[in-house]
């Protein structure tokens, strides 16, 4: 059964991906589309073999299209990190690559969205 909490979790993952790569208004392209498969149930884990190539292609395409120097992506499901990767450069001048465990990025206005999601979560309880 889908609840507001499970929807919020899925939404926060999607928002984190969208915000970190700046593709909130971007339309998906065929290269970034996953192969047609049956939808996952809420308690079914996302298969890593399908997730990583999709994230890699989508992030690289967004970085190229929007001239993004570097980004980190973390996909979390049920409190477990399924994927954590850094792409591009944390410091372009020094060619220092992004390290998903050490590189920090300013979050900007996306924090308002997460605050709203957590407020809805608190109201549900």
PDB file of N, CA and C in Angstrom:
ATOM      1  N   UNK A   1       0.838  -1.173   0.000  1.00  0.00           N
ATOM      2  CA  UNK A   1       0.000   0.000   0.000  1.00  0.00           C
ATOM      3  C   UNK A   1       0.889   1.243   0.000  1.00  0.00           C
ATOM      4  N   UNK A   2       0.613   2.137  -0.921  1.00  0.00           N
ATOM      5  CA  UNK A   2       1.367   3.374  -0.972  1.00  0.00           C
ATOM      6  C   UNK A   2       0.819   4.355   0.050  1.00  0.00           C
ATOM      7  N   UNK A   3       1.693   4.925   0.839  1.00  0.00           N
ATOM      8  CA  UNK A   3       1.313   5.931   1.810  1.00  0.00           C
ATOM      9  C   UNK A   3       1.996   7.236   1.444  1.00  0.00           C
ATOM     10  N   UNK A   4       1.631   8.297   2.124  1.00  0.00           N
ATOM     11  CA  UNK A   4       2.289   9.575   1.875  1.00  0.00           C
ATOM     12  C   UNK A   4       3.776   9.443   2.146  1.00  0.00           C
ATOM     13  N   UNK A   5       4.131   8.682   3.190  1.00  0.00           N
ATOM     14  CA  UNK A   5       5.549   8.530   3.528  1.00  0.00           C
ATOM     15  C   UNK A   5       6.327   7.842   2.412  1.00  0.00           C
ATOM     16  N   UNK A   6       5.774   6.760   1.858  1.00  0.00           N
ATOM     17  CA  UNK A   6       6.490   6.073   0.781  1.00  0.00           C
ATOM     18  C   UNK A   6       6.563   6.947  -0.466  1.00  0.00           C
ATOM     19  N   UNK A   7       5.508   7.708  -0.730  1.00  0.00           N
ATOM     20  CA  UNK A   7       5.541   8.632  -1.868  1.00  0.00           C
ATOM     21  C   UNK A   7       6.573   9.730  -1.641  1.00  0.00           C
ATOM     22  N   UNK A   8       6.659  10.212  -0.399  1.00  0.00           N
ATOM     23  CA  UNK A   8       7.644  11.247  -0.081  1.00  0.00           C
ATOM     24  C   UNK A   8       9.058  10.729  -0.270  1.00  0.00           C
ATOM     25  N   UNK A   9       9.288   9.485   0.138  1.00  0.00           N
ATOM     26  CA  UNK A   9      10.613   8.908  -0.023  1.00  0.00           C
ATOM     27  C   UNK A   9      10.989   8.848  -1.492  1.00  0.00           C
ATOM     28  N   UNK A  10      10.080   8.354  -2.297  1.00  0.00           N
ATOM     29  CA  UNK A  10      10.344   8.270  -3.737  1.00  0.00           C
ATOM     30  C   UNK A  10      10.497   9.655  -4.348  1.00  0.00           C
ATOM     31  N   UNK A  11       9.664  10.596  -3.900  1.00  0.00           N
ATOM     32  CA  UNK A  11       9.745  11.955  -4.411  1.00  0.00           C
ATOM     33  C   UNK A  11      11.059  12.611  -4.017  1.00  0.00           C
ATOM     34  N   UNK A  12      11.501  12.388  -2.773  1.00  0.00           N
ATOM     35  CA  UNK A  12      12.750  13.023  -2.344  1.00  0.00           C
ATOM     36  C   UNK A  12      13.933  12.482  -3.128  1.00  0.00           C
ATOM     37  N   UNK A  13      13.904  11.200  -3.477  1.00  0.00           N
ATOM     38  CA  UNK A  13      14.974  10.639  -4.310  1.00  0.00           C
ATOM     39  C   UNK A  13      14.965  11.310  -5.675  1.00  0.00           C
ATOM     40  N   UNK A  14      13.789  11.397  -6.265  1.00  0.00           N
ATOM     41  CA  UNK A  14      13.687  12.021  -7.580  1.00  0.00           C
ATOM     42  C   UNK A  14      14.108  13.482  -7.531  1.00  0.00           C
ATOM     43  N   UNK A  15      13.666  14.201  -6.509  1.00  0.00           N
ATOM     44  CA  UNK A  15      14.035  15.612  -6.388  1.00  0.00           C
ATOM     45  C   UNK A  15      15.526  15.785  -6.188  1.00  0.00           C
ATOM     46  N   UNK A  16      16.127  14.901  -5.408  1.00  0.00           N
ATOM     47  CA  UNK A  16      17.569  15.000  -5.193  1.00  0.00           C
ATOM     48  C   UNK A  16      18.312  14.813  -6.510  1.00  0.00           C
ATOM     49  N   UNK A  17      17.876  13.869  -7.294  1.00  0.00           N
ATOM     50  CA  UNK A  17      18.505  13.654  -8.591  1.00  0.00           C
ATOM     51  C   UNK A  17      18.286  14.845  -9.511  1.00  0.00           C
ATOM     52  N   UNK A  18      17.044  15.321  -9.569  1.00  0.00           N
ATOM     53  CA  UNK A  18      16.735  16.439 -10.448  1.00  0.00           C
ATOM     54  C   UNK A  18      17.473  17.703 -10.042  1.00  0.00           C
ATOM     55  N   UNK A  19      17.463  17.988  -8.762  1.00  0.00           N
ATOM     56  CA  UNK A  19      18.081  19.225  -8.289  1.00  0.00           C
ATOM     57  C   UNK A  19      19.586  19.199  -8.461  1.00  0.00           C
ATOM     58  N   UNK A  20      20.187  18.071  -8.170  1.00  0.00           N
ATOM     59  CA  UNK A  20      21.641  18.030  -8.236  1.00  0.00           C
ATOM     60  C   UNK A  20      22.157  18.151  -9.654  1.00  0.00           C
ATOM     61  N   UNK A  21      21.346  17.778 -10.615  1.00  0.00           N
ATOM     62  CA  UNK A  21      21.801  17.860 -12.002  1.00  0.00           C
ATOM     63  C   UNK A  21      21.126  18.975 -12.781  1.00  0.00           C
ATOM     64  N   UNK A  22      20.172  19.668 -12.188  1.00  0.00           N
ATOM     65  CA  UNK A  22      19.532  20.784 -12.857  1.00  0.00           C
ATOM     66  C   UNK A  22      18.620  20.376 -13.993  1.00  0.00           C
ATOM     67  N   UNK A  23      17.965  19.228 -13.884  1.00  0.00           N
ATOM     68  CA  UNK A  23      17.091  18.818 -14.964  1.00  0.00           C
ATOM     69  C   UNK A  23      15.640  18.798 -14.589  1.00  0.00           C
ATOM     70  N   UNK A  24      15.202  19.691 -13.752  1.00  0.00           N
ATOM     71  CA  UNK A  24      13.803  19.724 -13.335  1.00  0.00           C
ATOM     72  C   UNK A  24      12.876  19.977 -14.501  1.00  0.00           C
ATOM     73  N   UNK A  25      13.303  20.752 -15.504  1.00  0.00           N
ATOM     74  CA  UNK A  25      12.447  21.080 -16.639  1.00  0.00           C
ATOM     75  C   UNK A  25      12.829  20.330 -17.908  1.00  0.00           C
ATOM     76  N   UNK A  26      13.766  19.438 -17.811  1.00  0.00           N
ATOM     77  CA  UNK A  26      14.243  18.736 -18.995  1.00  0.00           C
ATOM     78  C   UNK A  26      13.343  17.552 -19.330  1.00  0.00           C
ATOM     79  N   UNK A  27      13.094  17.372 -20.611  1.00  0.00           N
ATOM     80  CA  UNK A  27      12.310  16.222 -21.055  1.00  0.00           C
ATOM     81  C   UNK A  27      13.247  15.038 -21.219  1.00  0.00           C
ATOM     82  N   UNK A  28      12.794  13.833 -20.838  1.00  0.00           N
ATOM     83  CA  UNK A  28      13.662  12.676 -21.000  1.00  0.00           C
ATOM     84  C   UNK A  28      13.916  12.393 -22.473  1.00  0.00           C
ATOM     85  N   UNK A  29      15.071  11.846 -22.759  1.00  0.00           N
ATOM     86  CA  UNK A  29      15.405  11.510 -24.132  1.00  0.00           C
ATOM     87  C   UNK A  29      15.511   9.999 -24.242  1.00  0.00           C
ATOM     88  N   UNK A  30      15.428   9.474 -25.448  1.00  0.00           N
ATOM     89  CA  UNK A  30      15.472   8.020 -25.606  1.00  0.00           C
ATOM     90  C   UNK A  30      16.716   7.378 -24.996  1.00  0.00           C
ATOM     91  N   UNK A  31      17.860   8.030 -25.031  1.00  0.00           N
ATOM     92  CA  UNK A  31      19.080   7.440 -24.481  1.00  0.00           C
ATOM     93  C   UNK A  31      18.991   7.228 -22.983  1.00  0.00           C
ATOM     94  N   UNK A  32      18.200   8.057 -22.294  1.00  0.00           N
ATOM     95  CA  UNK A  32      18.108   7.974 -20.838  1.00  0.00           C
ATOM     96  C   UNK A  32      16.923   7.138 -20.381  1.00  0.00           C
ATOM     97  N   UNK A  33      16.125   6.622 -21.300  1.00  0.00           N
ATOM     98  CA  UNK A  33      14.945   5.863 -20.949  1.00  0.00           C
ATOM     99  C   UNK A  33      15.328   4.425 -20.602  1.00  0.00           C
ATOM    100  N   UNK A  34      14.793   3.888 -19.498  1.00  0.00           N
ATOM    101  CA  UNK A  34      15.074   2.493 -19.183  1.00  0.00           C
ATOM    102  C   UNK A  34      14.328   1.566 -20.136  1.00  0.00           C
ATOM    103  N   UNK A  35      14.790   0.352 -20.245  1.00  0.00           N
ATOM    104  CA  UNK A  35      14.092  -0.636 -21.051  1.00  0.00           C
ATOM    105  C   UNK A  35      12.734  -0.900 -20.425  1.00  0.00           C
ATOM    106  N   UNK A  36      11.764  -1.237 -21.245  1.00  0.00           N
ATOM    107  CA  UNK A  36      10.411  -1.479 -20.740  1.00  0.00           C
ATOM    108  C   UNK A  36      10.417  -2.705 -19.829  1.00  0.00           C
ATOM    109  N   UNK A  37      10.034  -2.492 -18.586  1.00  0.00           N
ATOM    110  CA  UNK A  37       9.946  -3.579 -17.626  1.00  0.00           C
ATOM    111  C   UNK A  37       8.686  -3.389 -16.807  1.00  0.00           C
ATOM    112  N   UNK A  38       8.340  -4.416 -16.060  1.00  0.00           N
ATOM    113  CA  UNK A  38       7.172  -4.317 -15.190  1.00  0.00           C
ATOM    114  C   UNK A  38       7.478  -3.342 -14.061  1.00  0.00           C
ATOM    115  N   UNK A  39       6.482  -2.559 -13.621  1.00  0.00           N
ATOM    116  CA  UNK A  39       6.722  -1.617 -12.524  1.00  0.00           C
ATOM    117  C   UNK A  39       7.108  -2.356 -11.241  1.00  0.00           C
ATOM    118  N   UNK A  40       7.934  -1.701 -10.440  1.00  0.00           N
ATOM    119  CA  UNK A  40       8.344  -2.281  -9.167  1.00  0.00           C
ATOM    120  C   UNK A  40       7.272  -2.040  -8.125  1.00  0.00           C
ATOM    121  N   UNK A  41       7.100  -2.995  -7.228  1.00  0.00           N
ATOM    122  CA  UNK A  41       6.190  -2.793  -6.107  1.00  0.00           C
ATOM    123  C   UNK A  41       6.908  -1.935  -5.071  1.00  0.00           C
ATOM    124  N   UNK A  42       6.161  -1.284  -4.154  1.00  0.00           N
ATOM    125  CA  UNK A  42       6.789  -0.396  -3.177  1.00  0.00           C
ATOM    126  C   UNK A  42       7.857  -1.059  -2.313  1.00  0.00           C
ATOM    127  N   UNK A  43       7.747  -2.359  -2.064  1.00  0.00           N
ATOM    128  CA  UNK A  43       8.731  -3.034  -1.210  1.00  0.00           C
ATOM    129  C   UNK A  43       9.834  -3.739  -2.000  1.00  0.00           C
ATOM    130  N   UNK A  44       9.799  -3.633  -3.323  1.00  0.00           N
ATOM    131  CA  UNK A  44      10.787  -4.295  -4.171  1.00  0.00           C
ATOM    132  C   UNK A  44      11.991  -3.379  -4.379  1.00  0.00           C
ATOM    133  N   UNK A  45      13.213  -3.865  -4.130  1.00  0.00           N
ATOM    134  CA  UNK A  45      14.392  -3.015  -4.330  1.00  0.00           C
ATOM    135  C   UNK A  45      14.617  -2.705  -5.802  1.00  0.00           C
ATOM    136  N   UNK A  46      15.225  -1.567  -6.051  1.00  0.00           N
ATOM    137  CA  UNK A  46      15.573  -1.186  -7.410  1.00  0.00           C
ATOM    138  C   UNK A  46      16.792  -2.006  -7.814  1.00  0.00           C
ATOM    139  N   UNK A  47      16.733  -2.738  -8.921  1.00  0.00           N
ATOM    140  CA  UNK A  47      17.893  -3.539  -9.318  1.00  0.00           C
ATOM    141  C   UNK A  47      19.061  -2.640  -9.725  1.00  0.00           C
ATOM    142  N   UNK A  48      20.208  -2.835  -9.080  1.00  0.00           N
ATOM    143  CA  UNK A  48      21.383  -2.012  -9.338  1.00  0.00           C
ATOM    144  C   UNK A  48      21.845  -2.121 -10.783  1.00  0.00           C
ATOM    145  N   UNK A  49      21.687  -3.285 -11.383  1.00  0.00           N
ATOM    146  CA  UNK A  49      22.127  -3.461 -12.774  1.00  0.00           C
ATOM    147  C   UNK A  49      21.332  -2.572 -13.724  1.00  0.00           C
ATOM    148  N   UNK A  50      20.119  -2.205 -13.363  1.00  0.00           N
ATOM    149  CA  UNK A  50      19.314  -1.298 -14.187  1.00  0.00           C
ATOM    150  C   UNK A  50      19.492   0.153 -13.745  1.00  0.00           C
ATOM    151  N   UNK A  51      19.683   0.366 -12.453  1.00  0.00           N
ATOM    152  CA  UNK A  51      19.761   1.719 -11.903  1.00  0.00           C
ATOM    153  C   UNK A  51      21.031   2.450 -12.322  1.00  0.00           C
ATOM    154  N   UNK A  52      22.172   1.820 -12.139  1.00  0.00           N
ATOM    155  CA  UNK A  52      23.441   2.512 -12.388  1.00  0.00           C
ATOM    156  C   UNK A  52      23.598   2.975 -13.835  1.00  0.00           C
ATOM    157  N   UNK A  53      23.331   2.140 -14.838  1.00  0.00           N
ATOM    158  CA  UNK A  53      23.458   2.629 -16.219  1.00  0.00           C
ATOM    159  C   UNK A  53      22.480   3.767 -16.531  1.00  0.00           C
ATOM    160  N   UNK A  54      21.276   3.710 -15.976  1.00  0.00           N
ATOM    161  CA  UNK A  54      20.303   4.770 -16.201  1.00  0.00           C
ATOM    162  C   UNK A  54      20.788   6.084 -15.593  1.00  0.00           C
ATOM    163  N   UNK A  55      21.257   6.029 -14.349  1.00  0.00           N
ATOM    164  CA  UNK A  55      21.756   7.241 -13.685  1.00  0.00           C
ATOM    165  C   UNK A  55      22.986   7.769 -14.420  1.00  0.00           C
ATOM    166  N   UNK A  56      23.910   6.883 -14.779  1.00  0.00           N
ATOM    167  CA  UNK A  56      25.118   7.303 -15.504  1.00  0.00           C
ATOM    168  C   UNK A  56      24.753   8.053 -16.791  1.00  0.00           C
ATOM    169  N   UNK A  57      23.892   7.466 -17.587  1.00  0.00           N
ATOM    170  CA  UNK A  57      23.518   8.083 -18.866  1.00  0.00           C
ATOM    171  C   UNK A  57      22.789   9.403 -18.655  1.00  0.00           C
ATOM    172  N   UNK A  58      21.884   9.431 -17.707  1.00  0.00           N
ATOM    173  CA  UNK A  58      21.096  10.633 -17.460  1.00  0.00           C
ATOM    174  C   UNK A  58      21.966  11.770 -16.932  1.00  0.00           C
ATOM    175  N   UNK A  59      22.841  11.458 -15.987  1.00  0.00           N
ATOM    176  CA  UNK A  59      23.706  12.481 -15.407  1.00  0.00           C
ATOM    177  C   UNK A  59      24.684  13.008 -16.453  1.00  0.00           C
ATOM    178  N   UNK A  60      25.306  12.117 -17.190  1.00  0.00           N
ATOM    179  CA  UNK A  60      26.273  12.566 -18.198  1.00  0.00           C
ATOM    180  C   UNK A  60      25.602  13.425 -19.267  1.00  0.00           C
ATOM    181  N   UNK A  61      24.409  13.051 -19.663  1.00  0.00           N
ATOM    182  CA  UNK A  61      23.675  13.837 -20.661  1.00  0.00           C
ATOM    183  C   UNK A  61      23.334  15.221 -20.098  1.00  0.00           C
ATOM    184  N   UNK A  62      22.873  15.284 -18.859  1.00  0.00           N
ATOM    185  CA  UNK A  62      22.525  16.567 -18.236  1.00  0.00           C
ATOM    186  C   UNK A  62      23.767  17.440 -18.055  1.00  0.00           C
ATOM    187  N   UNK A  63      24.873  16.815 -17.672  1.00  0.00           N
ATOM    188  CA  UNK A  63      26.117  17.576 -17.485  1.00  0.00           C
ATOM    189  C   UNK A  63      26.570  18.209 -18.800  1.00  0.00           C
ATOM    190  N   UNK A  64      26.482  17.446 -19.862  1.00  0.00           N
ATOM    191  CA  UNK A  64      26.889  17.962 -21.164  1.00  0.00           C
ATOM    192  C   UNK A  64      25.938  19.046 -21.647  1.00  0.00           C
ATOM    193  N   UNK A  65      24.656  18.790 -21.553  1.00  0.00           N
ATOM    194  CA  UNK A  65      23.642  19.727 -22.044  1.00  0.00           C
ATOM    195  C   UNK A  65      23.667  21.046 -21.272  1.00  0.00           C
ATOM    196  N   UNK A  66      23.797  20.967 -19.937  1.00  0.00           N
ATOM    197  CA  UNK A  66      23.697  22.156 -19.097  1.00  0.00           C
ATOM    198  C   UNK A  66      25.044  22.689 -18.627  1.00  0.00           C
ATOM    199  N   UNK A  67      26.132  22.133 -19.159  1.00  0.00           N
ATOM    200  CA  UNK A  67      27.493  22.583 -18.822  1.00  0.00           C
ATOM    201  C   UNK A  67      27.732  22.533 -17.310  1.00  0.00           C
ATOM    202  N   UNK A  68      27.425  21.388 -16.720  1.00  0.00           N
ATOM    203  CA  UNK A  68      27.610  21.175 -15.283  1.00  0.00           C
ATOM    204  C   UNK A  68      29.006  20.614 -15.065  1.00  0.00           C
ATOM    205  N   UNK A  69      29.777  21.258 -14.190  1.00  0.00           N
ATOM    206  CA  UNK A  69      31.158  20.830 -13.961  1.00  0.00           C
ATOM    207  C   UNK A  69      31.233  19.547 -13.143  1.00  0.00           C
ATOM    208  N   UNK A  70      30.389  19.415 -12.130  1.00  0.00           N
ATOM    209  CA  UNK A  70      30.443  18.246 -11.269  1.00  0.00           C
ATOM    210  C   UNK A  70      29.161  18.063 -10.481  1.00  0.00           C
ATOM    211  N   UNK A  71      28.894  16.832 -10.105  1.00  0.00           N
ATOM    212  CA  UNK A  71      27.670  16.511  -9.377  1.00  0.00           C
ATOM    213  C   UNK A  71      27.871  15.213  -8.604  1.00  0.00           C
ATOM    214  N   UNK A  72      27.189  15.095  -7.492  1.00  0.00           N
ATOM    215  CA  UNK A  72      27.122  13.815  -6.784  1.00  0.00           C
ATOM    216  C   UNK A  72      25.683  13.334  -6.817  1.00  0.00           C
ATOM    217  N   UNK A  73      25.515  12.034  -6.870  1.00  0.00           N
ATOM    218  CA  UNK A  73      24.185  11.427  -6.872  1.00  0.00           C
ATOM    219  C   UNK A  73      24.176  10.309  -5.847  1.00  0.00           C
ATOM    220  N   UNK A  74      23.160  10.307  -5.017  1.00  0.00           N
ATOM    221  CA  UNK A  74      22.942   9.207  -4.077  1.00  0.00           C
ATOM    222  C   UNK A  74      21.497   8.755  -4.223  1.00  0.00           C
ATOM    223  N   UNK A  75      21.313   7.477  -4.398  1.00  0.00           N
ATOM    224  CA  UNK A  75      19.976   6.900  -4.461  1.00  0.00           C
ATOM    225  C   UNK A  75      19.807   6.040  -3.218  1.00  0.00           C
ATOM    226  N   UNK A  76      18.782   6.370  -2.432  1.00  0.00           N
ATOM    227  CA  UNK A  76      18.535   5.683  -1.170  1.00  0.00           C
ATOM    228  C   UNK A  76      17.144   5.069  -1.225  1.00  0.00           C
ATOM    229  N   UNK A  77      17.055   3.817  -0.822  1.00  0.00           N
ATOM    230  CA  UNK A  77      15.764   3.146  -0.744  1.00  0.00           C
ATOM    231  C   UNK A  77      15.692   2.414   0.580  1.00  0.00           C
ATOM    232  N   UNK A  78      14.635   2.671   1.328  1.00  0.00           N
ATOM    233  CA  UNK A  78      14.425   2.039   2.631  1.00  0.00           C
ATOM    234  C   UNK A  78      15.624   2.233   3.560  1.00  0.00           C
ATOM    235  N   UNK A  79      16.211   3.425   3.527  1.00  0.00           N
ATOM    236  CA  UNK A  79      17.324   3.737   4.408  1.00  0.00           C
ATOM    237  C   UNK A  79      18.660   3.143   3.991  1.00  0.00           C
ATOM    238  N   UNK A  80      18.703   2.488   2.849  1.00  0.00           N
ATOM    239  CA  UNK A  80      19.950   1.882   2.366  1.00  0.00           C
ATOM    240  C   UNK A  80      20.421   2.610   1.116  1.00  0.00           C
ATOM    241  N   UNK A  81      21.706   2.928   1.069  1.00  0.00           N
ATOM    242  CA  UNK A  81      22.274   3.580  -0.104  1.00  0.00           C
ATOM    243  C   UNK A  81      22.460   2.525  -1.187  1.00  0.00           C
ATOM    244  N   UNK A  82      21.731   2.701  -2.295  1.00  0.00           N
ATOM    245  CA  UNK A  82      21.852   1.765  -3.408  1.00  0.00           C
ATOM    246  C   UNK A  82      22.943   2.188  -4.382  1.00  0.00           C
ATOM    247  N   UNK A  83      23.097   3.501  -4.524  1.00  0.00           N
ATOM    248  CA  UNK A  83      24.076   4.015  -5.473  1.00  0.00           C
ATOM    249  C   UNK A  83      24.590   5.349  -4.959  1.00  0.00           C
ATOM    250  N   UNK A  84      25.906   5.522  -4.988  1.00  0.00           N
ATOM    251  CA  UNK A  84      26.534   6.785  -4.589  1.00  0.00           C
ATOM    252  C   UNK A  84      27.720   6.992  -5.517  1.00  0.00           C
ATOM    253  N   UNK A  85      27.628   8.046  -6.343  1.00  0.00           N
ATOM    254  CA  UNK A  85      28.683   8.282  -7.329  1.00  0.00           C
ATOM    255  C   UNK A  85      28.935   9.767  -7.491  1.00  0.00           C
ATOM    256  N   UNK A  86      30.155  10.086  -7.873  1.00  0.00           N
ATOM    257  CA  UNK A  86      30.515  11.444  -8.229  1.00  0.00           C
ATOM    258  C   UNK A  86      30.815  11.505  -9.709  1.00  0.00           C
ATOM    259  N   UNK A  87      30.435  12.604 -10.335  1.00  0.00           N
ATOM    260  CA  UNK A  87      30.655  12.796 -11.766  1.00  0.00           C
ATOM    261  C   UNK A  87      31.326  14.144 -11.987  1.00  0.00           C
ATOM    262  N   UNK A  88      32.244  14.220 -12.913  1.00  0.00           N
ATOM    263  CA  UNK A  88      32.862  15.485 -13.276  1.00  0.00           C
ATOM    264  C   UNK A  88      33.913  15.939 -12.284  1.00  0.00           C
ATOM    265  N   UNK A  89      34.061  17.275 -12.183  1.00  0.00           N
ATOM    266  CA  UNK A  89      35.119  17.860 -11.379  1.00  0.00           C
ATOM    267  C   UNK A  89      34.577  18.717 -10.246  1.00  0.00           C
ATOM    268  N   UNK A  90      35.185  18.563  -9.069  1.00  0.00           N
ATOM    269  CA  UNK A  90      34.890  19.435  -7.936  1.00  0.00           C
ATOM    270  C   UNK A  90      35.611  20.760  -8.118  1.00  0.00           C
ATOM    271  N   UNK A  91      36.779  20.720  -8.735  1.00  0.00           N
ATOM    272  CA  UNK A  91      37.576  21.910  -9.036  1.00  0.00           C
ATOM    273  C   UNK A  91      38.074  21.751 -10.472  1.00  0.00           C
ATOM    274  N   UNK A  92      37.459  22.494 -11.377  1.00  0.00           N
ATOM    275  CA  UNK A  92      37.786  22.359 -12.797  1.00  0.00           C
ATOM    276  C   UNK A  92      39.222  22.808 -13.073  1.00  0.00           C
ATOM    277  N   UNK A  93      39.634  23.926 -12.466  1.00  0.00           N
ATOM    278  CA  UNK A  93      40.974  24.452 -12.718  1.00  0.00           C
ATOM    279  C   UNK A  93      42.059  23.457 -12.326  1.00  0.00           C
ATOM    280  N   UNK A  94      41.838  22.754 -11.244  1.00  0.00           N
ATOM    281  CA  UNK A  94      42.836  21.774 -10.772  1.00  0.00           C
ATOM    282  C   UNK A  94      42.537  20.352 -11.248  1.00  0.00           C
ATOM    283  N   UNK A  95      41.434  20.197 -11.983  1.00  0.00           N
ATOM    284  CA  UNK A  95      41.011  18.885 -12.489  1.00  0.00           C
ATOM    285  C   UNK A  95      40.838  17.874 -11.354  1.00  0.00           C
ATOM    286  N   UNK A  96      40.331  18.355 -10.214  1.00  0.00           N
ATOM    287  CA  UNK A  96      40.095  17.471  -9.066  1.00  0.00           C
ATOM    288  C   UNK A  96      38.712  16.843  -9.220  1.00  0.00           C
ATOM    289  N   UNK A  97      38.626  15.516  -9.325  1.00  0.00           N
ATOM    290  CA  UNK A  97      37.331  14.865  -9.544  1.00  0.00           C
ATOM    291  C   UNK A  97      36.413  14.953  -8.324  1.00  0.00           C
ATOM    292  N   UNK A  98      35.134  14.833  -8.578  1.00  0.00           N
ATOM    293  CA  UNK A  98      34.137  14.814  -7.515  1.00  0.00           C
ATOM    294  C   UNK A  98      34.262  13.511  -6.743  1.00  0.00           C
ATOM    295  N   UNK A  99      34.296  13.609  -5.435  1.00  0.00           N
ATOM    296  CA  UNK A  99      34.296  12.451  -4.546  1.00  0.00           C
ATOM    297  C   UNK A  99      32.960  12.476  -3.807  1.00  0.00           C
ATOM    298  N   UNK A 100      32.103  11.465  -4.002  1.00  0.00           N
ATOM    299  CA  UNK A 100      30.774  11.512  -3.389  1.00  0.00           C
ATOM    300  C   UNK A 100      30.805  11.542  -1.863  1.00  0.00           C
ATOM    301  N   UNK A 101      31.907  11.142  -1.258  1.00  0.00           N
ATOM    302  CA  UNK A 101      32.005  11.159   0.203  1.00  0.00           C
ATOM    303  C   UNK A 101      32.610  12.450   0.753  1.00  0.00           C
ATOM    304  N   UNK A 102      33.282  13.223  -0.090  1.00  0.00           N
ATOM    305  CA  UNK A 102      33.995  14.394   0.435  1.00  0.00           C
ATOM    306  C   UNK A 102      33.616  15.723  -0.220  1.00  0.00           C
ATOM    307  N   UNK A 103      33.131  15.699  -1.464  1.00  0.00           N
ATOM    308  CA  UNK A 103      32.819  16.939  -2.163  1.00  0.00           C
ATOM    309  C   UNK A 103      31.479  17.485  -1.692  1.00  0.00           C
ATOM    310  N   UNK A 104      31.461  18.761  -1.348  1.00  0.00           N
ATOM    311  CA  UNK A 104      30.238  19.418  -0.899  1.00  0.00           C
ATOM    312  C   UNK A 104      29.756  20.402  -1.961  1.00  0.00           C
ATOM    313  N   UNK A 105      28.443  20.442  -2.162  1.00  0.00           N
ATOM    314  CA  UNK A 105      27.829  21.385  -3.087  1.00  0.00           C
ATOM    315  C   UNK A 105      26.783  22.188  -2.320  1.00  0.00           C
ATOM    316  N   UNK A 106      26.633  23.435  -2.675  1.00  0.00           N
ATOM    317  CA  UNK A 106      25.591  24.254  -2.053  1.00  0.00           C
ATOM    318  C   UNK A 106      24.243  23.832  -2.605  1.00  0.00           C
ATOM    319  N   UNK A 107      23.267  23.674  -1.722  1.00  0.00           N
ATOM    320  CA  UNK A 107      21.977  23.138  -2.146  1.00  0.00           C
ATOM    321  C   UNK A 107      21.028  24.185  -2.693  1.00  0.00           C
ATOM    322  N   UNK A 108      21.164  25.444  -2.332  1.00  0.00           N
ATOM    323  CA  UNK A 108      20.304  26.494  -2.873  1.00  0.00           C
ATOM    324  C   UNK A 108      18.852  26.302  -2.509  1.00  0.00           C
ATOM    325  N   UNK A 109      17.971  26.630  -3.421  1.00  0.00           N
ATOM    326  CA  UNK A 109      16.540  26.668  -3.147  1.00  0.00           C
ATOM    327  C   UNK A 109      15.889  25.301  -2.979  1.00  0.00           C
ATOM    328  N   UNK A 110      16.563  24.234  -3.304  1.00  0.00           N
ATOM    329  CA  UNK A 110      15.959  22.913  -3.168  1.00  0.00           C
ATOM    330  C   UNK A 110      15.656  22.576  -1.715  1.00  0.00           C
ATOM    331  N   UNK A 111      16.356  23.235  -0.769  1.00  0.00           N
ATOM    332  CA  UNK A 111      16.094  22.959   0.648  1.00  0.00           C
ATOM    333  C   UNK A 111      14.656  23.287   1.022  1.00  0.00           C
ATOM    334  N   UNK A 112      14.037  24.228   0.339  1.00  0.00           N
ATOM    335  CA  UNK A 112      12.629  24.562   0.602  1.00  0.00           C
ATOM    336  C   UNK A 112      11.732  23.368   0.275  1.00  0.00           C
ATOM    337  N   UNK A 113      12.045  22.685  -0.802  1.00  0.00           N
ATOM    338  CA  UNK A 113      11.255  21.518  -1.198  1.00  0.00           C
ATOM    339  C   UNK A 113      11.374  20.410  -0.171  1.00  0.00           C
ATOM    340  N   UNK A 114      12.575  20.169   0.319  1.00  0.00           N
ATOM    341  CA  UNK A 114      12.751  19.124   1.326  1.00  0.00           C
ATOM    342  C   UNK A 114      12.066  19.500   2.640  1.00  0.00           C
ATOM    343  N   UNK A 115      12.092  20.766   2.987  1.00  0.00           N
ATOM    344  CA  UNK A 115      11.390  21.216   4.188  1.00  0.00           C
ATOM    345  C   UNK A 115       9.897  20.951   4.042  1.00  0.00           C
ATOM    346  N   UNK A 116       9.347  21.242   2.879  1.00  0.00           N
ATOM    347  CA  UNK A 116       7.933  21.006   2.612  1.00  0.00           C
ATOM    348  C   UNK A 116       7.621  19.507   2.709  1.00  0.00           C
ATOM    349  N   UNK A 117       8.479  18.666   2.135  1.00  0.00           N
ATOM    350  CA  UNK A 117       8.250  17.219   2.185  1.00  0.00           C
ATOM    351  C   UNK A 117       8.285  16.702   3.616  1.00  0.00           C
ATOM    352  N   UNK A 118       9.213  17.168   4.411  1.00  0.00           N
ATOM    353  CA  UNK A 118       9.313  16.717   5.801  1.00  0.00           C
ATOM    354  C   UNK A 118       8.141  17.238   6.635  1.00  0.00           C
ATOM    355  N   UNK A 119       7.632  18.414   6.293  1.00  0.00           N
ATOM    356  CA  UNK A 119       6.441  18.940   6.981  1.00  0.00           C
ATOM    357  C   UNK A 119       5.240  18.040   6.683  1.00  0.00           C
ATOM    358  N   UNK A 120       5.092  17.647   5.433  1.00  0.00           N
ATOM    359  CA  UNK A 120       3.994  16.730   5.086  1.00  0.00           C
ATOM    360  C   UNK A 120       4.144  15.390   5.802  1.00  0.00           C
ATOM    361  N   UNK A 121       5.372  14.922   5.901  1.00  0.00           N
ATOM    362  CA  UNK A 121       5.633  13.673   6.602  1.00  0.00           C
ATOM    363  C   UNK A 121       5.236  13.783   8.075  1.00  0.00           C
ATOM    364  N   UNK A 122       5.567  14.909   8.698  1.00  0.00           N
ATOM    365  CA  UNK A 122       5.221  15.126  10.112  1.00  0.00           C
ATOM    366  C   UNK A 122       3.708  15.213  10.301  1.00  0.00           C
ATOM    367  N   UNK A 123       3.009  15.842   9.351  1.00  0.00           N
ATOM    368  CA  UNK A 123       1.553  15.952   9.443  1.00  0.00           C
ATOM    369  C   UNK A 123       0.897  14.592   9.344  1.00  0.00           C
ATOM    370  N   UNK A 124       1.464  13.712   8.496  1.00  0.00           N
ATOM    371  CA  UNK A 124       0.902  12.372   8.336  1.00  0.00           C
ATOM    372  C   UNK A 124       0.968  11.586   9.639  1.00  0.00           C
ATOM    373  N   UNK A 125       2.015  11.797  10.420  1.00  0.00           N
ATOM    374  CA  UNK A 125       2.181  11.065  11.677  1.00  0.00           C
ATOM    375  C   UNK A 125       1.256  11.617  12.692  1.00  0.00           C
TER     376      UNK A 125
END
